[in-house]
Amino acid sequence: MGLPSHVEQVSVVKFANNDKSKLACASHDGSISVCDVTATPPAVTAVLRGHTKPVTDVDWSAMNELLVSCGLDGALCLWAAPAARRLRRVPDPRGRALHAIAFQPSNNNMVIVSFA
């Protein structure tokens, strides 16, 4: 499957929870593609743009309605996955690059992020 929406390397891919048709692909171009890999041919259904530097991690919420991402721009972004819309952008107060992110498994109102 080609990813024509990315102009730089894809650094992270993550399947949705309990739905192996949806795949999020994070790129060094600062964007995230949401793909339907069960379509014939596989297709990019949305492109999420909001990071200004490479995206380093992405995670799906428990019900796959939200995506959270982080990047070298020091920002955490929350996305409405089906609408392909950014809901919130939270910059690190010290401007540090963010490297890993995950929803807290039992509470989608909390995310865990790493800057080290």
N, C-alpha and C. Protein backbone atom coordinates (compact mmCIF):
# COMPACT_ATOMS: atom_id res chain seq x y z
N MET A 1 0.86 -1.18 0.00
CA MET A 1 0.00 0.00 0.00
C MET A 1 0.89 1.23 0.00
N GLY A 2 0.74 2.08 -0.95
CA GLY A 2 1.47 3.34 -0.98
C GLY A 2 0.78 4.37 -0.11
N LEU A 3 1.54 5.31 0.38
CA LEU A 3 0.98 6.38 1.20
C LEU A 3 1.26 7.71 0.52
N PRO A 4 0.49 8.07 -0.47
CA PRO A 4 0.76 9.30 -1.21
C PRO A 4 0.60 10.56 -0.38
N SER A 5 0.02 10.44 0.80
CA SER A 5 -0.18 11.63 1.64
C SER A 5 1.10 12.05 2.37
N HIS A 6 2.13 11.19 2.40
CA HIS A 6 3.36 11.51 3.12
C HIS A 6 4.48 11.83 2.14
N VAL A 7 5.24 12.87 2.47
CA VAL A 7 6.39 13.24 1.64
C VAL A 7 7.71 12.88 2.30
N GLU A 8 7.65 12.42 3.57
CA GLU A 8 8.84 11.95 4.28
C GLU A 8 8.54 10.59 4.87
N GLN A 9 9.53 10.00 5.52
CA GLN A 9 9.39 8.64 6.03
C GLN A 9 8.29 8.50 7.07
N VAL A 10 7.67 7.32 7.09
CA VAL A 10 6.69 6.97 8.11
C VAL A 10 7.45 6.35 9.26
N SER A 11 7.28 6.89 10.47
CA SER A 11 8.06 6.44 11.62
C SER A 11 7.28 5.53 12.56
N VAL A 12 5.94 5.60 12.54
CA VAL A 12 5.11 4.82 13.45
C VAL A 12 3.86 4.38 12.71
N VAL A 13 3.47 3.12 12.89
CA VAL A 13 2.17 2.64 12.42
C VAL A 13 1.49 1.93 13.58
N LYS A 14 0.17 2.16 13.71
CA LYS A 14 -0.55 1.54 14.81
C LYS A 14 -1.97 1.21 14.37
N PHE A 15 -2.34 -0.08 14.53
CA PHE A 15 -3.71 -0.50 14.25
C PHE A 15 -4.64 -0.01 15.34
N ALA A 16 -5.90 0.25 14.95
CA ALA A 16 -6.93 0.61 15.91
C ALA A 16 -7.21 -0.59 16.83
N ASN A 17 -7.79 -0.32 17.97
CA ASN A 17 -8.11 -1.37 18.93
C ASN A 17 -9.28 -2.21 18.43
N ASN A 18 -9.09 -3.51 18.38
CA ASN A 18 -10.15 -4.45 17.97
C ASN A 18 -10.76 -4.11 16.62
N ASP A 19 -10.03 -3.44 15.77
CA ASP A 19 -10.50 -3.11 14.42
C ASP A 19 -9.28 -3.05 13.52
N LYS A 20 -8.95 -4.14 12.94
CA LYS A 20 -7.72 -4.23 12.14
C LYS A 20 -7.89 -3.67 10.73
N SER A 21 -9.00 -2.96 10.48
CA SER A 21 -9.16 -2.28 9.19
C SER A 21 -8.56 -0.88 9.22
N LYS A 22 -8.45 -0.29 10.42
CA LYS A 22 -7.95 1.08 10.56
C LYS A 22 -6.49 1.06 11.01
N LEU A 23 -5.69 1.84 10.30
CA LEU A 23 -4.28 1.93 10.61
C LEU A 23 -3.88 3.41 10.61
N ALA A 24 -3.24 3.85 11.68
CA ALA A 24 -2.71 5.21 11.75
C ALA A 24 -1.22 5.15 11.42
N CYS A 25 -0.79 6.04 10.54
CA CYS A 25 0.61 6.10 10.10
C CYS A 25 1.14 7.50 10.38
N ALA A 26 2.13 7.61 11.26
CA ALA A 26 2.72 8.91 11.61
C ALA A 26 4.00 9.11 10.83
N SER A 27 4.23 10.35 10.40
CA SER A 27 5.34 10.62 9.50
C SER A 27 6.26 11.73 10.01
N HIS A 28 7.46 11.73 9.45
CA HIS A 28 8.41 12.80 9.74
C HIS A 28 8.01 14.11 9.08
N ASP A 29 7.02 14.09 8.19
CA ASP A 29 6.55 15.34 7.58
C ASP A 29 5.55 16.07 8.47
N GLY A 30 5.29 15.54 9.69
CA GLY A 30 4.39 16.19 10.64
C GLY A 30 2.94 15.81 10.49
N SER A 31 2.64 14.84 9.65
CA SER A 31 1.24 14.45 9.44
C SER A 31 0.99 13.01 9.87
N ILE A 32 -0.30 12.68 9.99
CA ILE A 32 -0.75 11.33 10.32
C ILE A 32 -1.79 10.94 9.29
N SER A 33 -1.63 9.76 8.72
CA SER A 33 -2.63 9.23 7.79
C SER A 33 -3.47 8.19 8.53
N VAL A 34 -4.76 8.22 8.30
CA VAL A 34 -5.64 7.16 8.78
C VAL A 34 -6.02 6.36 7.54
N CYS A 35 -5.73 5.07 7.57
CA CYS A 35 -5.91 4.23 6.39
C CYS A 35 -6.92 3.12 6.66
N ASP A 36 -7.66 2.77 5.63
CA ASP A 36 -8.52 1.59 5.65
C ASP A 36 -7.79 0.52 4.86
N VAL A 37 -7.20 -0.42 5.57
CA VAL A 37 -6.38 -1.44 4.91
C VAL A 37 -7.18 -2.62 4.41
N THR A 38 -8.49 -2.66 4.70
CA THR A 38 -9.33 -3.74 4.18
C THR A 38 -10.05 -3.35 2.90
N ALA A 39 -10.00 -2.08 2.54
CA ALA A 39 -10.60 -1.63 1.28
C ALA A 39 -9.79 -2.20 0.11
N THR A 40 -10.42 -2.30 -1.04
CA THR A 40 -9.74 -2.79 -2.24
C THR A 40 -9.76 -1.70 -3.29
N PRO A 41 -8.66 -1.06 -3.56
CA PRO A 41 -7.35 -1.19 -2.90
C PRO A 41 -7.37 -0.45 -1.55
N PRO A 42 -6.39 -0.73 -0.69
CA PRO A 42 -6.29 0.01 0.57
C PRO A 42 -6.26 1.51 0.30
N ALA A 43 -6.87 2.28 1.21
CA ALA A 43 -7.02 3.72 0.95
C ALA A 43 -6.73 4.56 2.18
N VAL A 44 -6.21 5.75 1.93
CA VAL A 44 -6.06 6.76 2.97
C VAL A 44 -7.41 7.46 3.11
N THR A 45 -8.01 7.38 4.31
CA THR A 45 -9.33 7.97 4.52
C THR A 45 -9.26 9.37 5.13
N ALA A 46 -8.14 9.70 5.76
CA ALA A 46 -7.98 11.03 6.35
C ALA A 46 -6.50 11.32 6.53
N VAL A 47 -6.16 12.60 6.44
CA VAL A 47 -4.81 13.06 6.73
C VAL A 47 -4.93 14.13 7.81
N LEU A 48 -4.24 13.92 8.92
CA LEU A 48 -4.28 14.83 10.06
C LEU A 48 -3.00 15.66 10.05
N ARG A 49 -3.16 16.97 9.95
CA ARG A 49 -2.01 17.87 9.92
C ARG A 49 -2.11 18.85 11.09
N GLY A 50 -1.01 18.99 11.82
CA GLY A 50 -1.02 19.89 12.96
C GLY A 50 0.32 19.96 13.67
N HIS A 51 1.20 19.02 13.39
CA HIS A 51 2.55 19.06 13.95
C HIS A 51 3.46 19.80 12.98
N THR A 52 4.45 20.49 13.52
CA THR A 52 5.37 21.26 12.68
C THR A 52 6.71 20.55 12.47
N LYS A 53 6.92 19.45 13.19
CA LYS A 53 8.12 18.62 13.06
C LYS A 53 7.68 17.16 13.05
N PRO A 54 8.60 16.22 12.94
CA PRO A 54 8.23 14.81 12.87
C PRO A 54 7.31 14.36 14.01
N VAL A 55 6.32 13.53 13.66
CA VAL A 55 5.45 12.89 14.64
C VAL A 55 6.18 11.65 15.13
N THR A 56 6.31 11.50 16.44
CA THR A 56 7.09 10.40 17.01
C THR A 56 6.24 9.26 17.53
N ASP A 57 4.95 9.52 17.83
CA ASP A 57 4.09 8.44 18.31
C ASP A 57 2.63 8.83 18.15
N VAL A 58 1.78 7.81 18.12
CA VAL A 58 0.34 8.00 17.99
C VAL A 58 -0.34 6.85 18.72
N ASP A 59 -1.53 7.10 19.27
CA ASP A 59 -2.28 6.05 19.95
C ASP A 59 -3.77 6.26 19.74
N TRP A 60 -4.51 5.16 19.66
CA TRP A 60 -5.96 5.17 19.52
C TRP A 60 -6.60 5.08 20.90
N SER A 61 -7.74 5.75 21.08
CA SER A 61 -8.52 5.59 22.31
C SER A 61 -9.16 4.20 22.29
N ALA A 62 -9.72 3.80 23.42
CA ALA A 62 -10.29 2.45 23.55
C ALA A 62 -11.36 2.15 22.51
N MET A 63 -12.20 3.13 22.16
CA MET A 63 -13.28 2.93 21.20
C MET A 63 -12.91 3.46 19.81
N ASN A 64 -11.67 3.86 19.61
CA ASN A 64 -11.15 4.33 18.32
C ASN A 64 -11.78 5.62 17.82
N GLU A 65 -12.43 6.37 18.69
CA GLU A 65 -13.02 7.64 18.26
C GLU A 65 -12.02 8.79 18.35
N LEU A 66 -10.94 8.58 19.10
CA LEU A 66 -9.91 9.61 19.27
C LEU A 66 -8.54 9.05 18.94
N LEU A 67 -7.69 9.94 18.47
CA LEU A 67 -6.27 9.65 18.32
C LEU A 67 -5.52 10.71 19.11
N VAL A 68 -4.40 10.32 19.68
CA VAL A 68 -3.52 11.28 20.34
C VAL A 68 -2.15 11.09 19.71
N SER A 69 -1.46 12.21 19.50
CA SER A 69 -0.14 12.14 18.86
C SER A 69 0.82 13.08 19.58
N CYS A 70 2.11 12.83 19.39
CA CYS A 70 3.14 13.72 19.91
C CYS A 70 4.27 13.79 18.90
N GLY A 71 5.09 14.83 19.05
CA GLY A 71 6.15 15.00 18.08
C GLY A 71 7.35 15.76 18.59
N LEU A 72 8.33 15.89 17.70
CA LEU A 72 9.55 16.62 18.03
C LEU A 72 9.31 18.12 18.18
N ASP A 73 8.12 18.59 17.78
CA ASP A 73 7.77 20.00 17.98
C ASP A 73 7.34 20.29 19.41
N GLY A 74 7.35 19.26 20.27
CA GLY A 74 6.98 19.44 21.67
C GLY A 74 5.50 19.55 21.91
N ALA A 75 4.69 19.10 20.96
CA ALA A 75 3.24 19.22 21.09
C ALA A 75 2.57 17.86 21.19
N LEU A 76 1.53 17.84 22.00
CA LEU A 76 0.61 16.72 22.08
C LEU A 76 -0.65 17.18 21.34
N CYS A 77 -1.17 16.38 20.43
CA CYS A 77 -2.40 16.73 19.71
C CYS A 77 -3.45 15.66 19.93
N LEU A 78 -4.67 16.09 20.15
CA LEU A 78 -5.83 15.21 20.29
C LEU A 78 -6.70 15.40 19.07
N TRP A 79 -7.10 14.29 18.44
CA TRP A 79 -7.83 14.31 17.18
C TRP A 79 -9.15 13.57 17.30
N ALA A 80 -10.18 14.06 16.65
CA ALA A 80 -11.42 13.32 16.45
C ALA A 80 -11.18 12.50 15.19
N ALA A 81 -10.93 11.22 15.37
CA ALA A 81 -10.51 10.38 14.24
C ALA A 81 -11.53 10.33 13.10
N PRO A 82 -12.81 10.04 13.37
CA PRO A 82 -13.75 9.95 12.25
C PRO A 82 -13.93 11.27 11.48
N ALA A 83 -13.85 12.39 12.19
CA ALA A 83 -14.04 13.69 11.54
C ALA A 83 -12.74 14.28 10.99
N ALA A 84 -11.61 13.63 11.29
CA ALA A 84 -10.30 14.11 10.86
C ALA A 84 -10.08 15.56 11.29
N ARG A 85 -10.39 15.83 12.56
CA ARG A 85 -10.33 17.20 13.07
C ARG A 85 -9.49 17.23 14.35
N ARG A 86 -8.60 18.22 14.44
CA ARG A 86 -7.83 18.39 15.67
C ARG A 86 -8.71 19.06 16.72
N LEU A 87 -8.79 18.44 17.89
CA LEU A 87 -9.59 18.98 18.99
C LEU A 87 -8.77 19.87 19.91
N ARG A 88 -7.50 19.50 20.07
CA ARG A 88 -6.66 20.24 21.02
C ARG A 88 -5.20 20.05 20.67
N ARG A 89 -4.43 21.10 20.91
CA ARG A 89 -2.97 21.04 20.78
C ARG A 89 -2.40 21.56 22.08
N VAL A 90 -1.56 20.76 22.74
CA VAL A 90 -0.98 21.13 24.03
C VAL A 90 0.53 21.12 23.90
N PRO A 91 1.16 22.29 23.90
CA PRO A 91 2.63 22.32 23.80
C PRO A 91 3.27 22.05 25.16
N ASP A 92 4.44 21.41 25.11
CA ASP A 92 5.21 21.23 26.34
C ASP A 92 5.67 22.60 26.80
N PRO A 93 5.45 22.95 28.08
CA PRO A 93 5.83 24.29 28.56
C PRO A 93 7.30 24.63 28.38
N ARG A 94 8.15 23.63 28.36
CA ARG A 94 9.59 23.88 28.20
C ARG A 94 10.06 23.67 26.77
N GLY A 95 9.15 23.33 25.87
CA GLY A 95 9.50 23.16 24.47
C GLY A 95 10.26 21.89 24.16
N ARG A 96 10.24 20.93 25.07
CA ARG A 96 10.97 19.67 24.86
C ARG A 96 10.27 18.81 23.81
N ALA A 97 11.06 18.07 23.07
CA ALA A 97 10.51 17.10 22.12
C ALA A 97 9.81 16.00 22.88
N LEU A 98 8.68 15.53 22.36
CA LEU A 98 7.93 14.44 22.97
C LEU A 98 8.14 13.19 22.13
N HIS A 99 8.39 12.05 22.79
CA HIS A 99 8.80 10.86 22.06
C HIS A 99 7.80 9.71 22.07
N ALA A 100 6.99 9.59 23.11
CA ALA A 100 6.05 8.47 23.20
C ALA A 100 4.79 8.94 23.89
N ILE A 101 3.65 8.35 23.47
CA ILE A 101 2.37 8.75 24.04
C ILE A 101 1.42 7.56 24.05
N ALA A 102 0.54 7.52 25.05
CA ALA A 102 -0.45 6.44 25.12
C ALA A 102 -1.63 6.92 25.94
N PHE A 103 -2.82 6.48 25.53
CA PHE A 103 -3.99 6.70 26.36
C PHE A 103 -3.86 5.80 27.58
N GLN A 104 -4.29 6.29 28.74
CA GLN A 104 -4.37 5.46 29.93
C GLN A 104 -5.48 4.44 29.64
N PRO A 105 -5.20 3.14 29.73
CA PRO A 105 -6.14 2.12 29.24
C PRO A 105 -7.56 2.17 29.83
N SER A 106 -7.70 2.54 31.07
CA SER A 106 -9.04 2.52 31.66
C SER A 106 -9.69 3.90 31.73
N ASN A 107 -9.01 4.92 31.19
CA ASN A 107 -9.56 6.28 31.27
C ASN A 107 -9.06 7.09 30.09
N ASN A 108 -9.92 7.26 29.06
CA ASN A 108 -9.50 8.01 27.86
C ASN A 108 -9.35 9.51 28.11
N ASN A 109 -9.62 9.97 29.32
CA ASN A 109 -9.41 11.37 29.64
C ASN A 109 -7.97 11.65 30.09
N MET A 110 -7.15 10.61 30.10
CA MET A 110 -5.77 10.76 30.56
C MET A 110 -4.83 10.13 29.55
N VAL A 111 -3.75 10.85 29.25
CA VAL A 111 -2.70 10.29 28.40
C VAL A 111 -1.38 10.34 29.14
N ILE A 112 -0.50 9.47 28.75
CA ILE A 112 0.84 9.39 29.33
C ILE A 112 1.80 9.75 28.21
N VAL A 113 2.71 10.67 28.47
CA VAL A 113 3.64 11.13 27.44
C VAL A 113 5.06 11.12 28.00
N SER A 114 6.03 10.84 27.13
CA SER A 114 7.43 10.81 27.53
C SER A 114 8.23 11.81 26.73
N PHE A 115 9.07 12.57 27.40
CA PHE A 115 9.95 13.50 26.71
C PHE A 115 11.40 13.07 26.83
N ALA A 116 11.65 11.94 27.47
CA ALA A 116 13.04 11.47 27.65
C ALA A 116 13.37 10.38 26.66
